[in-house]
Amino acid sequence: MNDYELVSELVSKTGATFEEARYAYESCGKDMLAAAIMLEKAKSASKNNKSTPNSASAALYQIIVCF
């Protein structure tokens, strides 16, 4: 599988946007499991903070900074 297919798989399994999935995938050194965990944590964090329309992306950024 190429990178595009792997990122597409992350999108379908996590419900993240393609951009979020690509960013997580590359930030995790192309480790699918680590990227999926990062995206799930971002989704969980965004559920706790629904005050901003783009909270999933903000949560993903916070998780990547702390990763």
N, C-alpha and C. Protein backbone atom coordinates (compact mmCIF):
# COMPACT_ATOMS: atom_id res chain seq x y z
N MET A 1 0.84 -1.19 0.00
CA MET A 1 0.00 0.00 0.00
C MET A 1 0.89 1.25 0.00
N ASN A 2 0.45 2.24 -0.73
CA ASN A 2 1.19 3.50 -0.72
C ASN A 2 0.64 4.42 0.37
N ASP A 3 1.30 5.54 0.56
CA ASP A 3 0.92 6.46 1.63
C ASP A 3 -0.51 6.96 1.47
N TYR A 4 -0.92 7.25 0.25
CA TYR A 4 -2.28 7.74 0.02
C TYR A 4 -3.31 6.72 0.49
N GLU A 5 -3.10 5.47 0.17
CA GLU A 5 -4.04 4.41 0.57
C GLU A 5 -4.07 4.24 2.09
N LEU A 6 -2.90 4.34 2.72
CA LEU A 6 -2.84 4.20 4.17
C LEU A 6 -3.54 5.36 4.88
N VAL A 7 -3.34 6.57 4.38
CA VAL A 7 -4.01 7.73 4.97
C VAL A 7 -5.51 7.61 4.73
N SER A 8 -5.92 7.16 3.57
CA SER A 8 -7.35 6.97 3.29
C SER A 8 -7.95 5.94 4.24
N GLU A 9 -7.20 4.92 4.57
CA GLU A 9 -7.66 3.92 5.53
C GLU A 9 -7.83 4.54 6.92
N LEU A 10 -6.89 5.40 7.31
CA LEU A 10 -7.03 6.11 8.59
C LEU A 10 -8.29 6.96 8.60
N VAL A 11 -8.57 7.62 7.51
CA VAL A 11 -9.77 8.45 7.41
C VAL A 11 -11.01 7.60 7.61
N SER A 12 -11.07 6.46 6.94
CA SER A 12 -12.27 5.62 7.03
C SER A 12 -12.42 4.98 8.41
N LYS A 13 -11.32 4.68 9.07
CA LYS A 13 -11.39 4.02 10.37
C LYS A 13 -11.58 4.98 11.54
N THR A 14 -11.15 6.23 11.39
CA THR A 14 -11.21 7.16 12.51
C THR A 14 -12.24 8.28 12.32
N GLY A 15 -12.67 8.50 11.09
CA GLY A 15 -13.60 9.59 10.83
C GLY A 15 -12.94 10.95 10.77
N ALA A 16 -11.63 10.96 10.76
CA ALA A 16 -10.87 12.22 10.66
C ALA A 16 -10.93 12.74 9.23
N THR A 17 -10.58 14.00 9.06
CA THR A 17 -10.45 14.52 7.70
C THR A 17 -9.17 13.97 7.10
N PHE A 18 -9.05 14.07 5.79
CA PHE A 18 -7.84 13.59 5.13
C PHE A 18 -6.62 14.36 5.62
N GLU A 19 -6.79 15.66 5.79
CA GLU A 19 -5.68 16.50 6.24
C GLU A 19 -5.22 16.10 7.65
N GLU A 20 -6.18 15.89 8.56
CA GLU A 20 -5.84 15.47 9.92
C GLU A 20 -5.15 14.12 9.92
N ALA A 21 -5.68 13.19 9.13
CA ALA A 21 -5.11 11.84 9.07
C ALA A 21 -3.69 11.87 8.49
N ARG A 22 -3.50 12.66 7.44
CA ARG A 22 -2.16 12.76 6.83
C ARG A 22 -1.17 13.36 7.82
N TYR A 23 -1.61 14.40 8.53
CA TYR A 23 -0.73 15.05 9.50
C TYR A 23 -0.35 14.09 10.62
N ALA A 24 -1.33 13.35 11.13
CA ALA A 24 -1.06 12.38 12.20
C ALA A 24 -0.14 11.27 11.70
N TYR A 25 -0.40 10.78 10.50
CA TYR A 25 0.40 9.71 9.90
C TYR A 25 1.86 10.14 9.74
N GLU A 26 2.08 11.32 9.23
CA GLU A 26 3.44 11.81 9.03
C GLU A 26 4.11 12.16 10.35
N SER A 27 3.35 12.69 11.29
CA SER A 27 3.91 13.06 12.61
C SER A 27 4.33 11.83 13.40
N CYS A 28 3.69 10.72 13.12
CA CYS A 28 4.00 9.47 13.84
C CYS A 28 5.00 8.61 13.08
N GLY A 29 5.70 9.20 12.15
CA GLY A 29 6.71 8.45 11.41
C GLY A 29 6.11 7.33 10.56
N LYS A 30 4.90 7.58 10.03
CA LYS A 30 4.17 6.64 9.18
C LYS A 30 3.78 5.36 9.91
N ASP A 31 3.61 5.47 11.22
CA ASP A 31 3.15 4.36 12.05
C ASP A 31 1.63 4.44 12.13
N MET A 32 0.93 3.50 11.48
CA MET A 32 -0.52 3.54 11.41
C MET A 32 -1.18 3.46 12.79
N LEU A 33 -0.69 2.59 13.64
CA LEU A 33 -1.30 2.43 14.96
C LEU A 33 -1.16 3.70 15.79
N ALA A 34 0.03 4.27 15.80
CA ALA A 34 0.26 5.50 16.56
C ALA A 34 -0.60 6.63 16.00
N ALA A 35 -0.72 6.71 14.69
CA ALA A 35 -1.54 7.75 14.07
C ALA A 35 -3.01 7.57 14.42
N ALA A 36 -3.49 6.33 14.41
CA ALA A 36 -4.89 6.06 14.76
C ALA A 36 -5.16 6.43 16.21
N ILE A 37 -4.23 6.10 17.09
CA ILE A 37 -4.38 6.45 18.51
C ILE A 37 -4.40 7.97 18.68
N MET A 38 -3.51 8.65 17.98
CA MET A 38 -3.46 10.11 18.06
C MET A 38 -4.78 10.73 17.59
N LEU A 39 -5.32 10.22 16.50
CA LEU A 39 -6.57 10.74 15.97
C LEU A 39 -7.74 10.46 16.91
N GLU A 40 -7.76 9.29 17.52
CA GLU A 40 -8.82 8.96 18.47
C GLU A 40 -8.74 9.86 19.71
N LYS A 41 -7.53 10.14 20.16
CA LYS A 41 -7.36 11.05 21.30
C LYS A 41 -7.84 12.45 20.93
N ALA A 42 -7.55 12.87 19.71
CA ALA A 42 -8.00 14.19 19.26
C ALA A 42 -9.52 14.24 19.19
N LYS A 43 -10.14 13.16 18.70
CA LYS A 43 -11.59 13.10 18.62
C LYS A 43 -12.20 13.15 20.02
N SER A 44 -11.60 12.42 20.94
CA SER A 44 -12.07 12.40 22.32
C SER A 44 -11.93 13.78 22.96
N ALA A 45 -10.82 14.43 22.72
CA ALA A 45 -10.58 15.76 23.28
C ALA A 45 -11.55 16.78 22.69
N SER A 46 -11.88 16.63 21.41
CA SER A 46 -12.79 17.58 20.78
C SER A 46 -14.22 17.41 21.30
N LYS A 47 -14.59 16.21 21.72
CA LYS A 47 -15.91 15.99 22.30
C LYS A 47 -16.04 16.73 23.63
N ASN A 48 -14.94 16.84 24.34
CA ASN A 48 -14.94 17.54 25.62
C ASN A 48 -14.92 19.05 25.45
N ASN A 49 -14.58 19.54 24.25
CA ASN A 49 -14.47 20.97 24.00
C ASN A 49 -15.20 21.31 22.70
N LYS A 50 -16.50 21.41 22.75
CA LYS A 50 -17.29 21.68 21.55
C LYS A 50 -17.52 23.17 21.32
N SER A 51 -16.79 24.00 22.02
CA SER A 51 -17.03 25.44 21.92
C SER A 51 -16.53 26.05 20.61
N THR A 52 -15.59 25.40 19.95
CA THR A 52 -15.07 25.94 18.70
C THR A 52 -15.42 25.01 17.55
N PRO A 53 -15.72 25.55 16.38
CA PRO A 53 -16.10 24.72 15.25
C PRO A 53 -14.98 23.82 14.75
N ASN A 54 -13.74 24.19 14.97
CA ASN A 54 -12.61 23.42 14.47
C ASN A 54 -11.85 22.79 15.65
N SER A 55 -12.58 22.33 16.65
CA SER A 55 -11.94 21.84 17.87
C SER A 55 -11.18 20.54 17.65
N ALA A 56 -11.58 19.70 16.68
CA ALA A 56 -10.85 18.46 16.42
C ALA A 56 -9.45 18.77 15.93
N SER A 57 -9.32 19.73 15.04
CA SER A 57 -8.00 20.11 14.54
C SER A 57 -7.16 20.73 15.65
N ALA A 58 -7.79 21.53 16.49
CA ALA A 58 -7.07 22.14 17.61
C ALA A 58 -6.61 21.08 18.59
N ALA A 59 -7.46 20.09 18.86
CA ALA A 59 -7.10 19.00 19.77
C ALA A 59 -5.98 18.17 19.17
N LEU A 60 -6.04 17.92 17.87
CA LEU A 60 -4.97 17.17 17.20
C LEU A 60 -3.66 17.91 17.33
N TYR A 61 -3.68 19.22 17.14
CA TYR A 61 -2.46 20.02 17.27
C TYR A 61 -1.91 19.91 18.69
N GLN A 62 -2.77 20.00 19.69
CA GLN A 62 -2.32 19.91 21.08
C GLN A 62 -1.71 18.54 21.37
N ILE A 63 -2.31 17.49 20.85
CA ILE A 63 -1.78 16.15 21.08
C ILE A 63 -0.44 15.98 20.39
N ILE A 64 -0.31 16.48 19.18
CA ILE A 64 0.96 16.36 18.46
C ILE A 64 2.06 17.12 19.18
N VAL A 65 1.73 18.29 19.69
CA VAL A 65 2.74 19.07 20.41
C VAL A 65 3.22 18.32 21.64
N CYS A 66 2.31 17.61 22.30
CA CYS A 66 2.65 16.89 23.53
C CYS A 66 3.18 15.49 23.27
N PHE A 67 3.09 14.99 22.06
CA PHE A 67 3.43 13.60 21.73
C PHE A 67 4.89 13.34 21.83
